[in-house]
């Protein structure tokens, strides 16, 4: 597939998804953002990779930044970001010794968040395992003093891409969306990086179990089978 054709398909997909999004009904649960903005406290959305589409289109921010992987899949997300006032910062973790720009992207995100712009991160991306939180979100929070907001975005009707590693989700037209927040996490510098990653992951797992029990059960059983191998 040529670069031009791939770009055209990405924009077509973004337009279709945005049209679907206009039909969605979104309900926010335990939303702390008004108080955080009043106190001039920055925050970072910690979302699951599977929820990128629904969460990214419905955060309601006037401006937001997000890390988008330097991959063919990431290229497909750029038009959707543009249509939803999200500034994409390209980068992902290193793979097989190749520099994927993750460290440079992290520095850019720290600059944005330091200016009190919200940031969205798919914390278990770009390749999983599902629900296992990478260190980037904690590093940004510790560098800026921003709070981490665990979030799940669960549509009542959706297409689930079952062959993807995370069962990636796309909302169906006219679905009701539960946009639920966990308690804000303060990633102070005295806490260990890995412990904070586990805390964020646990919060997301609890939110998914509460608001999307069927998916939560599938992934819990898959994790148990993987442990037994």
C-alpha atoms as a PDB file:
ATOM      1  CA  UNK A   1       0.000   0.000   0.000  1.00  0.00           C
ATOM      2  CA  UNK A   2       1.387   3.407  -0.970  1.00  0.00           C
ATOM      3  CA  UNK A   3       1.932   6.172   1.566  1.00  0.00           C
ATOM      4  CA  UNK A   4      -0.676   8.365  -0.149  1.00  0.00           C
ATOM      5  CA  UNK A   5      -3.312   5.624  -0.140  1.00  0.00           C
ATOM      6  CA  UNK A   6      -2.597   4.792   3.487  1.00  0.00           C
ATOM      7  CA  UNK A   7      -2.974   8.469   4.424  1.00  0.00           C
ATOM      8  CA  UNK A   8      -6.275   8.729   2.539  1.00  0.00           C
ATOM      9  CA  UNK A   9      -7.601   5.626   4.301  1.00  0.00           C
ATOM     10  CA  UNK A  10      -6.510   7.017   7.673  1.00  0.00           C
ATOM     11  CA  UNK A  11      -8.397  10.263   7.061  1.00  0.00           C
ATOM     12  CA  UNK A  12     -11.455   8.377   5.804  1.00  0.00           C
ATOM     13  CA  UNK A  13     -11.404   6.216   8.926  1.00  0.00           C
ATOM     14  CA  UNK A  14     -11.047   9.286  11.138  1.00  0.00           C
ATOM     15  CA  UNK A  15     -14.043  10.944   9.473  1.00  0.00           C
ATOM     16  CA  UNK A  16     -16.164   7.793   9.880  1.00  0.00           C
ATOM     17  CA  UNK A  17     -15.200   7.438  13.555  1.00  0.00           C
ATOM     18  CA  UNK A  18     -15.876  11.126  14.209  1.00  0.00           C
ATOM     19  CA  UNK A  19     -19.303  10.789  12.589  1.00  0.00           C
ATOM     20  CA  UNK A  20     -20.037   7.801  14.834  1.00  0.00           C
ATOM     21  CA  UNK A  21     -18.824   9.786  17.823  1.00  0.00           C
ATOM     22  CA  UNK A  22     -21.423  12.503  17.202  1.00  0.00           C
ATOM     23  CA  UNK A  23     -24.115   9.882  17.893  1.00  0.00           C
ATOM     24  CA  UNK A  24     -22.666   8.655  21.204  1.00  0.00           C
ATOM     25  CA  UNK A  25     -24.099   9.576  24.595  1.00  0.00           C
ATOM     26  CA  UNK A  26     -21.351   9.993  27.172  1.00  0.00           C
ATOM     27  CA  UNK A  27     -21.785   9.895  30.941  1.00  0.00           C
ATOM     28  CA  UNK A  28     -18.865  10.818  33.206  1.00  0.00           C
ATOM     29  CA  UNK A  29     -18.446   9.039  36.554  1.00  0.00           C
ATOM     30  CA  UNK A  30     -16.449  10.392  39.519  1.00  0.00           C
ATOM     31  CA  UNK A  31     -14.942  13.162  37.382  1.00  0.00           C
ATOM     32  CA  UNK A  32     -12.378  15.133  39.460  1.00  0.00           C
ATOM     33  CA  UNK A  33     -11.241  17.522  36.732  1.00  0.00           C
ATOM     34  CA  UNK A  34     -13.189  20.615  37.765  1.00  0.00           C
ATOM     35  CA  UNK A  35     -11.539  20.636  41.183  1.00  0.00           C
ATOM     36  CA  UNK A  36      -8.101  19.948  39.718  1.00  0.00           C
ATOM     37  CA  UNK A  37      -8.416  22.823  37.264  1.00  0.00           C
ATOM     38  CA  UNK A  38      -9.600  25.143  40.044  1.00  0.00           C
ATOM     39  CA  UNK A  39      -6.480  24.275  42.041  1.00  0.00           C
ATOM     40  CA  UNK A  40      -4.275  24.638  38.938  1.00  0.00           C
ATOM     41  CA  UNK A  41      -3.185  20.990  39.179  1.00  0.00           C
ATOM     42  CA  UNK A  42      -2.124  19.232  36.011  1.00  0.00           C
ATOM     43  CA  UNK A  43      -3.188  15.693  35.182  1.00  0.00           C
ATOM     44  CA  UNK A  44      -2.492  12.797  32.841  1.00  0.00           C
ATOM     45  CA  UNK A  45      -5.135  10.405  31.519  1.00  0.00           C
ATOM     46  CA  UNK A  46      -3.975   6.816  32.007  1.00  0.00           C
ATOM     47  CA  UNK A  47      -6.034   4.687  29.618  1.00  0.00           C
ATOM     48  CA  UNK A  48      -5.895   1.154  28.287  1.00  0.00           C
ATOM     49  CA  UNK A  49      -4.640   0.715  24.723  1.00  0.00           C
ATOM     50  CA  UNK A  50      -7.934  -1.020  23.908  1.00  0.00           C
ATOM     51  CA  UNK A  51      -9.870   2.140  24.848  1.00  0.00           C
ATOM     52  CA  UNK A  52      -7.858   4.634  22.767  1.00  0.00           C
ATOM     53  CA  UNK A  53     -10.580   5.432  20.245  1.00  0.00           C
ATOM     54  CA  UNK A  54     -13.474   5.969  22.649  1.00  0.00           C
ATOM     55  CA  UNK A  55     -11.410   7.707  25.331  1.00  0.00           C
ATOM     56  CA  UNK A  56      -9.525   9.903  22.880  1.00  0.00           C
ATOM     57  CA  UNK A  57     -12.691  11.184  21.207  1.00  0.00           C
ATOM     58  CA  UNK A  58     -14.597  11.893  24.398  1.00  0.00           C
ATOM     59  CA  UNK A  59     -12.269  13.474  26.959  1.00  0.00           C
ATOM     60  CA  UNK A  60     -13.888  16.866  26.283  1.00  0.00           C
ATOM     61  CA  UNK A  61     -10.645  18.846  26.517  1.00  0.00           C
ATOM     62  CA  UNK A  62     -10.116  21.963  24.398  1.00  0.00           C
ATOM     63  CA  UNK A  63      -6.491  20.915  23.946  1.00  0.00           C
ATOM     64  CA  UNK A  64      -4.658  17.716  24.799  1.00  0.00           C
ATOM     65  CA  UNK A  65      -1.452  15.890  23.905  1.00  0.00           C
ATOM     66  CA  UNK A  66      -0.888  12.175  23.442  1.00  0.00           C
ATOM     67  CA  UNK A  67       1.974   9.829  22.704  1.00  0.00           C
ATOM     68  CA  UNK A  68       1.384   8.004  19.417  1.00  0.00           C
ATOM     69  CA  UNK A  69       3.675   5.143  18.471  1.00  0.00           C
ATOM     70  CA  UNK A  70       6.085   5.427  15.545  1.00  0.00           C
ATOM     71  CA  UNK A  71       4.489   2.596  13.633  1.00  0.00           C
ATOM     72  CA  UNK A  72       2.053   1.960  10.813  1.00  0.00           C
ATOM     73  CA  UNK A  73      -0.714   1.627  13.408  1.00  0.00           C
ATOM     74  CA  UNK A  74       0.304   4.968  14.905  1.00  0.00           C
ATOM     75  CA  UNK A  75       0.138   6.596  11.469  1.00  0.00           C
ATOM     76  CA  UNK A  76      -3.531   5.618  11.274  1.00  0.00           C
ATOM     77  CA  UNK A  77      -4.298   7.497  14.507  1.00  0.00           C
ATOM     78  CA  UNK A  78      -2.826  10.853  13.473  1.00  0.00           C
ATOM     79  CA  UNK A  79      -5.872  12.134  11.507  1.00  0.00           C
ATOM     80  CA  UNK A  80      -8.186  11.157  14.369  1.00  0.00           C
ATOM     81  CA  UNK A  81      -5.981  13.085  16.784  1.00  0.00           C
ATOM     82  CA  UNK A  82      -6.117  16.151  14.551  1.00  0.00           C
ATOM     83  CA  UNK A  83      -9.911  16.064  14.362  1.00  0.00           C
ATOM     84  CA  UNK A  84     -10.240  15.847  18.146  1.00  0.00           C
ATOM     85  CA  UNK A  85      -7.833  18.595  19.216  1.00  0.00           C
ATOM     86  CA  UNK A  86      -5.146  16.161  20.315  1.00  0.00           C
ATOM     87  CA  UNK A  87      -1.528  17.067  19.569  1.00  0.00           C
ATOM     88  CA  UNK A  88       0.260  13.802  18.692  1.00  0.00           C
ATOM     89  CA  UNK A  89       3.795  13.299  19.965  1.00  0.00           C
ATOM     90  CA  UNK A  90       5.433  10.424  18.107  1.00  0.00           C
ATOM     91  CA  UNK A  91       7.444   7.845  19.983  1.00  0.00           C
ATOM     92  CA  UNK A  92       7.383   4.414  21.617  1.00  0.00           C
ATOM     93  CA  UNK A  93       9.656   2.066  23.503  1.00  0.00           C
ATOM     94  CA  UNK A  94      12.770   0.641  21.886  1.00  0.00           C
ATOM     95  CA  UNK A  95      12.464  -2.661  20.075  1.00  0.00           C
ATOM     96  CA  UNK A  96      15.297  -4.989  19.128  1.00  0.00           C
ATOM     97  CA  UNK A  97      17.839  -2.219  19.628  1.00  0.00           C
ATOM     98  CA  UNK A  98      16.006   0.257  17.391  1.00  0.00           C
ATOM     99  CA  UNK A  99      15.427   3.776  18.661  1.00  0.00           C
ATOM    100  CA  UNK A 100      11.691   4.435  18.395  1.00  0.00           C
ATOM    101  CA  UNK A 101      11.892   7.983  19.762  1.00  0.00           C
ATOM    102  CA  UNK A 102      10.338   7.157  23.110  1.00  0.00           C
ATOM    103  CA  UNK A 103      12.778   9.134  25.247  1.00  0.00           C
ATOM    104  CA  UNK A 104      12.548  12.245  23.076  1.00  0.00           C
ATOM    105  CA  UNK A 105       8.741  11.995  23.060  1.00  0.00           C
ATOM    106  CA  UNK A 106       8.789  11.724  26.850  1.00  0.00           C
ATOM    107  CA  UNK A 107      10.714  14.999  27.093  1.00  0.00           C
ATOM    108  CA  UNK A 108       8.180  16.699  24.796  1.00  0.00           C
ATOM    109  CA  UNK A 109       5.269  15.408  26.869  1.00  0.00           C
ATOM    110  CA  UNK A 110       6.904  16.641  30.071  1.00  0.00           C
ATOM    111  CA  UNK A 111       7.156  20.108  28.504  1.00  0.00           C
ATOM    112  CA  UNK A 112       3.467  20.067  27.553  1.00  0.00           C
ATOM    113  CA  UNK A 113       2.257  18.801  30.928  1.00  0.00           C
ATOM    114  CA  UNK A 114       4.484  21.314  32.750  1.00  0.00           C
ATOM    115  CA  UNK A 115       2.419  23.981  30.989  1.00  0.00           C
ATOM    116  CA  UNK A 116      -0.759  22.473  32.511  1.00  0.00           C
ATOM    117  CA  UNK A 117      -1.896  20.834  29.284  1.00  0.00           C
ATOM    118  CA  UNK A 118      -3.558  17.457  29.864  1.00  0.00           C
ATOM    119  CA  UNK A 119      -1.891  14.411  28.384  1.00  0.00           C
ATOM    120  CA  UNK A 120      -3.338  11.051  27.328  1.00  0.00           C
ATOM    121  CA  UNK A 121      -1.285   7.863  27.510  1.00  0.00           C
ATOM    122  CA  UNK A 122      -2.199   4.310  26.575  1.00  0.00           C
ATOM    123  CA  UNK A 123      -0.221   2.976  29.489  1.00  0.00           C
ATOM    124  CA  UNK A 124      -0.039  -0.675  28.403  1.00  0.00           C
ATOM    125  CA  UNK A 125       0.887   0.100  24.785  1.00  0.00           C
ATOM    126  CA  UNK A 126       2.125  -0.205  22.212  1.00  0.00           C
ATOM    127  CA  UNK A 127       2.402  -4.014  22.380  1.00  0.00           C
ATOM    128  CA  UNK A 128       1.237  -5.056  25.831  1.00  0.00           C
ATOM    129  CA  UNK A 129       0.882  -7.208  27.791  1.00  0.00           C
ATOM    130  CA  UNK A 130      -2.613  -5.876  28.337  1.00  0.00           C
ATOM    131  CA  UNK A 131      -3.017  -4.016  31.617  1.00  0.00           C
ATOM    132  CA  UNK A 132       0.714  -4.000  32.374  1.00  0.00           C
ATOM    133  CA  UNK A 133       1.587  -0.330  32.876  1.00  0.00           C
ATOM    134  CA  UNK A 134       4.818   1.002  31.374  1.00  0.00           C
ATOM    135  CA  UNK A 135       6.900   3.539  33.294  1.00  0.00           C
ATOM    136  CA  UNK A 136       6.357   6.550  30.999  1.00  0.00           C
ATOM    137  CA  UNK A 137       3.180   7.828  32.633  1.00  0.00           C
ATOM    138  CA  UNK A 138       4.791   7.726  36.086  1.00  0.00           C
ATOM    139  CA  UNK A 139       7.975   9.411  34.863  1.00  0.00           C
ATOM    140  CA  UNK A 140       5.958  12.304  33.411  1.00  0.00           C
ATOM    141  CA  UNK A 141       3.909  12.642  36.597  1.00  0.00           C
ATOM    142  CA  UNK A 142       7.008  12.677  38.796  1.00  0.00           C
ATOM    143  CA  UNK A 143       8.766  15.215  36.568  1.00  0.00           C
ATOM    144  CA  UNK A 144       5.812  17.632  36.455  1.00  0.00           C
ATOM    145  CA  UNK A 145       3.858  17.088  39.673  1.00  0.00           C
ATOM    146  CA  UNK A 146       0.775  16.206  37.631  1.00  0.00           C
ATOM    147  CA  UNK A 147      -1.719  13.679  38.963  1.00  0.00           C
ATOM    148  CA  UNK A 148      -2.423  10.421  37.148  1.00  0.00           C
ATOM    149  CA  UNK A 149      -6.107   9.897  36.337  1.00  0.00           C
ATOM    150  CA  UNK A 150      -6.926   6.238  35.610  1.00  0.00           C
ATOM    151  CA  UNK A 151      -9.797   6.177  33.107  1.00  0.00           C
ATOM    152  CA  UNK A 152     -11.903   3.561  31.330  1.00  0.00           C
ATOM    153  CA  UNK A 153     -14.205   4.437  28.426  1.00  0.00           C
ATOM    154  CA  UNK A 154     -16.746   1.669  27.887  1.00  0.00           C
ATOM    155  CA  UNK A 155     -19.362   1.838  25.089  1.00  0.00           C
ATOM    156  CA  UNK A 156     -22.580  -0.161  25.433  1.00  0.00           C
ATOM    157  CA  UNK A 157     -22.233  -1.271  21.823  1.00  0.00           C
ATOM    158  CA  UNK A 158     -18.861  -1.869  20.178  1.00  0.00           C
ATOM    159  CA  UNK A 159     -16.840  -3.840  17.726  1.00  0.00           C
ATOM    160  CA  UNK A 160     -14.101  -5.838  19.444  1.00  0.00           C
ATOM    161  CA  UNK A 161     -11.081  -6.781  17.338  1.00  0.00           C
ATOM    162  CA  UNK A 162     -10.586 -10.207  18.863  1.00  0.00           C
ATOM    163  CA  UNK A 163      -7.343 -11.025  17.084  1.00  0.00           C
ATOM    164  CA  UNK A 164      -5.502  -8.008  18.481  1.00  0.00           C
ATOM    165  CA  UNK A 165      -3.406  -8.458  21.625  1.00  0.00           C
ATOM    166  CA  UNK A 166      -5.704  -6.176  23.664  1.00  0.00           C
ATOM    167  CA  UNK A 167      -9.092  -6.876  21.996  1.00  0.00           C
ATOM    168  CA  UNK A 168      -9.107  -3.328  20.621  1.00  0.00           C
ATOM    169  CA  UNK A 169     -12.522  -1.657  20.803  1.00  0.00           C
ATOM    170  CA  UNK A 170     -14.411   0.618  18.388  1.00  0.00           C
ATOM    171  CA  UNK A 171     -17.733   2.144  19.503  1.00  0.00           C
ATOM    172  CA  UNK A 172     -20.890   1.463  17.503  1.00  0.00           C
ATOM    173  CA  UNK A 173     -23.258   4.273  16.487  1.00  0.00           C
ATOM    174  CA  UNK A 174     -25.663   5.520  19.181  1.00  0.00           C
ATOM    175  CA  UNK A 175     -23.882   3.646  21.971  1.00  0.00           C
ATOM    176  CA  UNK A 176     -23.923   4.923  25.539  1.00  0.00           C
ATOM    177  CA  UNK A 177     -20.401   5.492  26.854  1.00  0.00           C
ATOM    178  CA  UNK A 178     -19.374   5.192  30.483  1.00  0.00           C
ATOM    179  CA  UNK A 179     -16.324   7.430  30.986  1.00  0.00           C
ATOM    180  CA  UNK A 180     -15.241   6.477  34.499  1.00  0.00           C
ATOM    181  CA  UNK A 181     -12.395   7.862  36.605  1.00  0.00           C
ATOM    182  CA  UNK A 182     -10.446   6.170  39.352  1.00  0.00           C
ATOM    183  CA  UNK A 183      -9.052   8.094  42.296  1.00  0.00           C
ATOM    184  CA  UNK A 184      -6.250  10.481  41.224  1.00  0.00           C
ATOM    185  CA  UNK A 185      -2.787   9.063  41.890  1.00  0.00           C
ATOM    186  CA  UNK A 186      -0.039  11.342  43.204  1.00  0.00           C
ATOM    187  CA  UNK A 187       3.245   9.993  41.840  1.00  0.00           C
ATOM    188  CA  UNK A 188       5.532  11.622  44.388  1.00  0.00           C
ATOM    189  CA  UNK A 189       9.249  11.153  43.911  1.00  0.00           C
ATOM    190  CA  UNK A 190       9.601   9.165  47.145  1.00  0.00           C
ATOM    191  CA  UNK A 191       7.606   6.259  45.702  1.00  0.00           C
ATOM    192  CA  UNK A 192       9.231   3.475  43.680  1.00  0.00           C
ATOM    193  CA  UNK A 193       8.551   3.574  39.946  1.00  0.00           C
ATOM    194  CA  UNK A 194       7.451  -0.047  39.688  1.00  0.00           C
ATOM    195  CA  UNK A 195       5.120   0.259  42.684  1.00  0.00           C
ATOM    196  CA  UNK A 196       3.364   3.242  41.110  1.00  0.00           C
ATOM    197  CA  UNK A 197       3.003   1.365  37.818  1.00  0.00           C
ATOM    198  CA  UNK A 198       1.348  -1.497  39.683  1.00  0.00           C
ATOM    199  CA  UNK A 199      -0.952   0.973  41.465  1.00  0.00           C
ATOM    200  CA  UNK A 200      -2.087   2.508  38.169  1.00  0.00           C
ATOM    201  CA  UNK A 201      -2.635  -0.937  36.665  1.00  0.00           C
ATOM    202  CA  UNK A 202      -4.641  -2.074  39.677  1.00  0.00           C
ATOM    203  CA  UNK A 203      -6.858   1.005  39.484  1.00  0.00           C
ATOM    204  CA  UNK A 204      -7.564   0.398  35.789  1.00  0.00           C
ATOM    205  CA  UNK A 205      -8.308  -3.274  36.458  1.00  0.00           C
ATOM    206  CA  UNK A 206     -10.740  -2.332  39.240  1.00  0.00           C
ATOM    207  CA  UNK A 207     -12.480   0.203  36.992  1.00  0.00           C
ATOM    208  CA  UNK A 208     -12.814  -2.321  34.184  1.00  0.00           C
ATOM    209  CA  UNK A 209     -14.151  -4.961  36.549  1.00  0.00           C
ATOM    210  CA  UNK A 210     -16.779  -2.505  37.798  1.00  0.00           C
ATOM    211  CA  UNK A 211     -17.848  -0.985  34.483  1.00  0.00           C
ATOM    212  CA  UNK A 212     -17.003  -3.726  31.962  1.00  0.00           C
ATOM    213  CA  UNK A 213     -17.130  -7.051  33.815  1.00  0.00           C
ATOM    214  CA  UNK A 214     -17.373  -9.227  30.692  1.00  0.00           C
ATOM    215  CA  UNK A 215     -14.111  -7.907  29.213  1.00  0.00           C
ATOM    216  CA  UNK A 216     -12.485  -7.908  32.638  1.00  0.00           C
ATOM    217  CA  UNK A 217     -13.298 -11.605  33.042  1.00  0.00           C
ATOM    218  CA  UNK A 218     -11.879 -12.487  29.614  1.00  0.00           C
ATOM    219  CA  UNK A 219      -8.572 -10.778  30.326  1.00  0.00           C
ATOM    220  CA  UNK A 220      -8.348 -12.086  33.876  1.00  0.00           C
ATOM    221  CA  UNK A 221      -8.793 -15.667  32.654  1.00  0.00           C
ATOM    222  CA  UNK A 222      -6.242 -15.121  29.863  1.00  0.00           C
ATOM    223  CA  UNK A 223      -3.715 -13.784  32.382  1.00  0.00           C
ATOM    224  CA  UNK A 224      -4.264 -16.813  34.622  1.00  0.00           C
ATOM    225  CA  UNK A 225      -3.705 -19.217  31.712  1.00  0.00           C
ATOM    226  CA  UNK A 226      -0.511 -17.372  30.787  1.00  0.00           C
ATOM    227  CA  UNK A 227       0.750 -17.679  34.369  1.00  0.00           C
ATOM    228  CA  UNK A 228       0.128 -21.443  34.393  1.00  0.00           C
ATOM    229  CA  UNK A 229       2.161 -22.074  31.226  1.00  0.00           C
END
